[in-house]
Amino acid sequence: MLSNELSRYHRGPGSPVKIFAAERGYFMQFKLFQVDAFADKLFFGNPAAVVILHEEIDHHLMQAIAMENNLSETAFVNINQSPINIRWFTPLAEVRLCGHATLAAAQVLFENHLRSPSEPILFQSKSGLLKAYRKSAHIFLDFPADRQLKSVDKSDAFEIALGERPSCVFKGKDDYLVIYDAQAQIERIRPNFPQLADFDGRGVVVSARGEEFDFVSRCFFPKMGVDEDPVTGSAHTMLTPYWSGQTNKTKFVARQLSARGGTLYCHSETDRVLIGGNSRIFLEGTIYCDN
């Protein structure tokens, strides 16, 4: 299923990359892409790195590469496994699910690896089986829904940490969901990141009904080394079912109100959430490792 262009980097000892690496004492090389996910054009959305693997590598090396990349997420995809194995790392830790880096990986695979863009991609992950497929102008992700929201009494604590009084607070599988009455409150939030890092969840997602979109959000993950994530696909596995319950709708156009911003097309199903968006490949290159 590999294209000739990409597979030439991994052929025998005479391949251009292996000659270059051997001359400089490197022992491992990996194809790397950087992609702006949930973006219609470059320099918007959420940048993610995608590293192509042909066999599994040590997770410590994955973490070191992610730290070196210094992006909110680096996805590692083993294209010699079926389904394709995918893992995600922030600069500080591995995570169980990441939307924008999966969208970025799908963009790379559709453009460089699969013979037919009409074929869905199946990923095996720590959150189970995931699917990515093209529909119209977008790539959609088929993710498990997070419907495990429990109301918690933390409005006072989040008012202090975020600077705005929420209307209600929930705890999901991984993150807190903090709900506000108006989009303007979401825009005004100036988080105290050390205080947010002290909460027991992975991160904090804030949301309200939107003025031009169905709902808006911002996402903070200081504990994971990402103060504010530009666009967070995984958060919409929690946001979409929540707003579906509030509005009796199943389809939404959502906007994440970070500095870079991003638009997500979300569809709530019984136990799944479909999350669609665009991506743009910014660069491709090769990682050279000496151990």
Protein backbone atom coordinates (compact mmCIF):
# COMPACT_ATOMS: atom_id res chain seq x y z
CA MET A 1 0.00 0.00 0.00
CA LEU A 2 3.02 2.30 0.15
CA SER A 3 3.65 4.82 -2.58
CA ASN A 4 6.89 4.51 -4.52
CA GLU A 5 7.97 7.94 -3.33
CA LEU A 6 7.79 7.05 0.36
CA SER A 7 8.95 3.43 0.18
CA ARG A 8 12.23 4.39 -1.49
CA TYR A 9 13.36 5.85 1.82
CA HIS A 10 13.22 2.42 3.42
CA ARG A 11 14.74 0.18 0.75
CA GLY A 12 18.15 -1.49 1.08
CA PRO A 13 21.51 0.01 1.96
CA GLY A 14 21.71 2.09 -1.22
CA SER A 15 18.69 4.31 -0.53
CA PRO A 16 19.44 8.07 -0.39
CA VAL A 17 18.45 8.47 3.25
CA LYS A 18 20.38 5.41 4.43
CA ILE A 19 23.53 6.52 2.61
CA PHE A 20 23.20 9.98 4.19
CA ALA A 21 22.59 8.47 7.62
CA ALA A 22 25.41 5.92 7.40
CA GLU A 23 27.92 8.62 6.48
CA ARG A 24 26.97 10.55 9.62
CA GLY A 25 26.74 7.64 12.05
CA TYR A 26 22.92 7.55 12.43
CA PHE A 27 21.24 4.19 13.00
CA MET A 28 17.52 4.95 12.69
CA GLN A 29 15.57 7.20 10.38
CA PHE A 30 11.88 8.06 10.43
CA LYS A 31 9.78 10.01 7.97
CA LEU A 32 8.25 13.09 9.63
CA PHE A 33 5.40 15.35 8.59
CA GLN A 34 4.05 18.49 10.26
CA VAL A 35 0.39 19.19 9.58
CA ASP A 36 -1.96 22.03 10.49
CA ALA A 37 -5.08 20.12 11.54
CA PHE A 38 -8.62 21.52 11.56
CA ALA A 39 -7.39 24.29 9.27
CA ASP A 40 -8.48 25.45 5.82
CA LYS A 41 -5.09 27.07 5.22
CA LEU A 42 -1.61 27.05 6.69
CA PHE A 43 -0.77 28.74 9.98
CA PHE A 44 -4.21 28.11 11.46
CA GLY A 45 -5.70 25.15 13.33
CA ASN A 46 -3.52 22.91 15.48
CA PRO A 47 -0.03 21.83 14.33
CA ALA A 48 0.74 18.14 14.83
CA ALA A 49 3.73 16.00 13.95
CA VAL A 50 3.22 12.63 12.28
CA VAL A 51 6.04 10.08 12.44
CA ILE A 52 5.87 7.10 10.08
CA LEU A 53 7.00 3.78 11.55
CA HIS A 54 7.57 0.42 9.87
CA GLU A 55 8.04 -1.39 13.18
CA GLU A 56 7.43 -0.58 16.82
CA ILE A 57 10.03 1.49 18.66
CA ASP A 58 10.64 2.04 22.36
CA HIS A 59 8.15 4.40 23.99
CA HIS A 60 11.00 6.35 25.61
CA LEU A 61 12.26 7.21 22.12
CA MET A 62 8.74 8.24 21.11
CA GLN A 63 8.57 10.54 24.11
CA ALA A 64 11.99 12.02 23.34
CA ILE A 65 10.97 12.71 19.74
CA ALA A 66 7.73 14.34 20.89
CA MET A 67 9.64 16.53 23.33
CA GLU A 68 12.07 17.51 20.58
CA ASN A 69 9.20 18.34 18.21
CA ASN A 70 7.72 20.56 20.95
CA LEU A 71 4.23 20.51 19.44
CA SER A 72 1.07 19.80 21.39
CA GLU A 73 0.98 16.27 19.95
CA THR A 74 3.14 13.90 17.92
CA ALA A 75 1.41 10.88 16.36
CA PHE A 76 3.37 7.70 15.66
CA VAL A 77 1.75 5.46 13.03
CA ASN A 78 3.00 1.96 12.25
CA ILE A 79 1.88 1.44 8.67
CA ASN A 80 3.02 -2.20 8.58
CA GLN A 81 0.31 -3.20 11.04
CA SER A 82 -3.33 -3.76 10.15
CA PRO A 83 -5.21 -1.91 11.53
CA ILE A 84 -2.54 0.80 11.60
CA ASN A 85 -1.23 1.24 15.14
CA ILE A 86 -1.33 4.85 16.34
CA ARG A 87 0.05 6.41 19.53
CA TRP A 88 0.08 10.05 20.62
CA PHE A 89 2.57 11.93 22.79
CA THR A 90 2.60 15.47 24.13
CA PRO A 91 6.01 16.90 25.04
CA LEU A 92 5.54 15.43 28.53
CA ALA A 93 3.38 12.30 28.33
CA GLU A 94 1.52 9.75 26.22
CA VAL A 95 -2.25 10.28 25.92
CA ARG A 96 -5.05 7.78 25.24
CA LEU A 97 -6.77 9.76 22.50
CA CYS A 98 -5.97 12.74 20.30
CA GLY A 99 -8.21 14.10 17.58
CA HIS A 100 -6.12 16.67 15.72
CA ALA A 101 -3.04 14.41 15.46
CA THR A 102 -5.25 11.58 14.16
CA LEU A 103 -6.71 13.95 11.58
CA ALA A 104 -3.15 14.95 10.65
CA ALA A 105 -2.11 11.30 10.34
CA ALA A 106 -5.10 10.55 8.12
CA GLN A 107 -4.22 13.51 5.90
CA VAL A 108 -0.65 12.22 5.49
CA LEU A 109 -1.81 8.67 4.81
CA PHE A 110 -4.42 9.69 2.28
CA GLU A 111 -1.92 11.86 0.42
CA ASN A 112 1.10 9.56 0.58
CA HIS A 113 0.22 5.96 1.34
CA LEU A 114 -3.18 4.68 0.32
CA ARG A 115 -3.97 3.89 -3.28
CA SER A 116 -7.56 5.07 -3.08
CA PRO A 117 -8.70 8.05 -0.97
CA SER A 118 -12.17 6.49 -0.93
CA GLU A 119 -10.95 3.71 1.38
CA PRO A 120 -11.38 4.34 5.12
CA ILE A 121 -8.32 4.08 7.36
CA LEU A 122 -8.57 1.89 10.45
CA PHE A 123 -6.40 2.78 13.44
CA GLN A 124 -5.77 0.63 16.50
CA SER A 125 -5.21 2.76 19.60
CA LYS A 126 -5.31 2.74 23.39
CA SER A 127 -8.91 3.98 23.01
CA GLY A 128 -9.86 1.07 20.78
CA LEU A 129 -10.56 0.94 17.07
CA LEU A 130 -10.79 4.32 15.32
CA LYS A 131 -11.72 5.15 11.73
CA ALA A 132 -10.91 8.03 9.40
CA TYR A 133 -12.64 8.56 6.08
CA ARG A 134 -13.15 11.22 3.45
CA LYS A 135 -16.58 12.74 2.97
CA SER A 136 -17.05 15.69 0.63
CA ALA A 137 -14.27 18.19 1.35
CA HIS A 138 -13.47 16.92 4.85
CA ILE A 139 -11.82 14.01 6.63
CA PHE A 140 -14.04 12.62 9.39
CA LEU A 141 -12.89 10.78 12.50
CA ASP A 142 -15.08 8.09 14.05
CA PHE A 143 -14.31 8.22 17.79
CA PRO A 144 -15.91 6.76 20.93
CA ALA A 145 -18.25 9.20 22.66
CA ASP A 146 -17.52 10.35 26.20
CA ARG A 147 -20.92 10.31 27.87
CA GLN A 148 -19.58 9.73 31.38
CA LEU A 149 -20.28 13.27 32.56
CA LYS A 150 -20.84 13.66 36.29
CA SER A 151 -21.87 16.95 37.84
CA VAL A 152 -19.30 18.18 40.37
CA ASP A 153 -19.34 21.03 42.89
CA LYS A 154 -16.27 22.96 41.73
CA SER A 155 -17.71 26.24 40.46
CA ASP A 156 -15.87 28.28 43.12
CA ALA A 157 -12.54 26.64 42.34
CA PHE A 158 -12.91 27.15 38.60
CA GLU A 159 -14.01 30.76 39.05
CA ILE A 160 -10.71 31.38 40.82
CA ALA A 161 -8.64 29.45 38.26
CA LEU A 162 -10.36 30.84 35.15
CA GLY A 163 -11.53 34.29 36.24
CA GLU A 164 -15.17 33.75 35.21
CA ARG A 165 -18.04 32.21 37.18
CA PRO A 166 -19.32 29.03 35.40
CA SER A 167 -22.93 27.99 35.34
CA CYS A 168 -22.07 24.30 35.94
CA VAL A 169 -19.11 21.90 36.00
CA PHE A 170 -18.86 18.25 34.95
CA LYS A 171 -16.13 15.60 35.10
CA GLY A 172 -15.74 13.40 32.03
CA LYS A 173 -13.59 10.35 31.43
CA ASP A 174 -10.38 12.41 31.30
CA ASP A 175 -11.23 16.12 31.48
CA TYR A 176 -13.37 18.63 33.29
CA LEU A 177 -16.11 20.33 31.28
CA VAL A 178 -16.86 23.84 32.52
CA ILE A 179 -20.00 25.41 31.05
CA TYR A 180 -20.66 29.15 30.72
CA ASP A 181 -23.71 31.16 29.73
CA ALA A 182 -22.15 33.23 26.94
CA GLN A 183 -19.41 33.14 24.32
CA ALA A 184 -18.04 36.43 25.66
CA GLN A 185 -17.13 34.69 28.92
CA ILE A 186 -15.15 32.05 27.01
CA GLU A 187 -13.28 34.83 25.20
CA ARG A 188 -12.50 36.69 28.43
CA ILE A 189 -11.02 33.71 30.28
CA ARG A 190 -7.41 34.21 31.38
CA PRO A 191 -6.42 30.95 33.08
CA ASN A 192 -4.13 30.52 36.03
CA PHE A 193 -2.28 27.53 34.57
CA PRO A 194 -0.56 26.34 37.78
CA GLN A 195 -3.98 26.20 39.46
CA LEU A 196 -5.48 24.30 36.52
CA ALA A 197 -2.62 21.81 36.67
CA ASP A 198 -3.57 21.03 40.28
CA PHE A 199 -6.99 19.63 39.32
CA ASP A 200 -7.14 15.84 39.18
CA GLY A 201 -8.20 15.55 35.52
CA ARG A 202 -6.06 15.51 32.40
CA GLY A 203 -7.28 18.97 31.40
CA VAL A 204 -10.06 21.55 31.45
CA VAL A 205 -12.50 22.24 28.62
CA VAL A 206 -14.65 25.38 28.73
CA SER A 207 -17.68 25.85 26.49
CA ALA A 208 -20.78 27.94 25.77
CA ARG A 209 -23.38 28.36 23.05
CA GLY A 210 -21.87 30.23 20.13
CA GLU A 211 -22.92 33.45 18.46
CA GLU A 212 -22.06 32.32 14.91
CA PHE A 213 -21.44 28.62 15.63
CA ASP A 214 -23.54 26.04 17.46
CA PHE A 215 -21.09 26.01 20.36
CA VAL A 216 -17.63 27.33 21.13
CA SER A 217 -14.86 26.10 23.39
CA ARG A 218 -11.31 26.48 24.64
CA CYS A 219 -9.11 23.70 26.05
CA PHE A 220 -6.32 23.82 28.63
CA PHE A 221 -3.85 21.01 29.40
CA PRO A 222 -1.00 22.48 31.47
CA LYS A 223 -0.45 19.15 33.23
CA MET A 224 0.42 17.64 29.84
CA GLY A 225 2.76 20.45 28.84
CA VAL A 226 0.15 22.28 26.71
CA ASP A 227 -1.21 25.41 28.37
CA GLU A 228 -3.87 26.06 25.70
CA ASP A 229 -4.43 23.59 22.89
CA PRO A 230 -5.31 25.40 19.62
CA VAL A 231 -7.91 22.82 18.45
CA THR A 232 -8.81 19.68 20.38
CA GLY A 233 -10.66 16.94 18.52
CA SER A 234 -10.81 14.59 21.52
CA ALA A 235 -12.59 17.23 23.63
CA HIS A 236 -15.45 17.13 21.13
CA THR A 237 -16.15 13.50 22.02
CA MET A 238 -17.40 15.03 25.28
CA LEU A 239 -18.69 18.38 23.98
CA THR A 240 -20.83 16.94 21.17
CA PRO A 241 -22.93 14.59 23.34
CA TYR A 242 -23.30 17.32 25.97
CA TRP A 243 -24.63 19.90 23.52
CA SER A 244 -26.76 17.27 21.82
CA GLY A 245 -28.48 16.70 25.14
CA GLN A 246 -28.96 20.44 25.64
CA THR A 247 -30.34 21.18 22.17
CA ASN A 248 -31.89 17.91 20.92
CA LYS A 249 -29.69 18.25 17.82
CA THR A 250 -27.18 15.71 16.52
CA LYS A 251 -25.18 17.77 14.01
CA PHE A 252 -23.10 20.80 14.95
CA VAL A 253 -20.58 23.23 13.54
CA ALA A 254 -18.27 24.09 16.42
CA ARG A 255 -15.47 26.60 16.82
CA GLN A 256 -12.50 26.50 19.17
CA LEU A 257 -11.62 30.05 20.18
CA SER A 258 -7.85 29.79 20.53
CA ALA A 259 -5.52 32.32 18.92
CA ARG A 260 -5.10 30.05 15.87
CA GLY A 261 -8.71 28.86 15.91
CA GLY A 262 -10.34 25.89 14.25
CA THR A 263 -13.71 24.71 12.96
CA LEU A 264 -15.04 21.21 13.60
CA TYR A 265 -18.05 19.48 12.03
CA CYS A 266 -19.52 17.16 14.66
CA HIS A 267 -22.21 14.48 14.56
CA SER A 268 -23.42 12.73 17.70
CA GLU A 269 -24.38 9.06 17.44
CA THR A 270 -25.39 6.59 20.14
CA ASP A 271 -21.93 5.67 21.37
CA ARG A 272 -19.75 7.38 18.76
CA VAL A 273 -18.93 10.92 17.67
CA LEU A 274 -18.00 11.86 14.12
CA ILE A 275 -15.60 14.81 13.94
CA GLY A 276 -14.75 16.37 10.59
CA GLY A 277 -12.30 18.99 9.43
CA ASN A 278 -9.64 20.03 6.96
CA SER A 279 -5.85 19.86 7.25
CA ARG A 280 -2.82 21.20 5.42
CA ILE A 281 0.62 19.57 5.30
CA PHE A 282 3.25 22.17 6.22
CA LEU A 283 6.48 20.21 5.90
CA GLU A 284 8.00 16.77 5.51
CA GLY A 285 11.46 15.56 6.39
CA THR A 286 13.47 12.83 8.07
CA ILE A 287 14.40 12.26 11.71
CA TYR A 288 17.89 10.83 12.27
CA CYS A 289 18.52 9.04 15.57
CA ASP A 290 21.79 7.59 16.80
CA ASN A 291 20.23 5.23 19.32
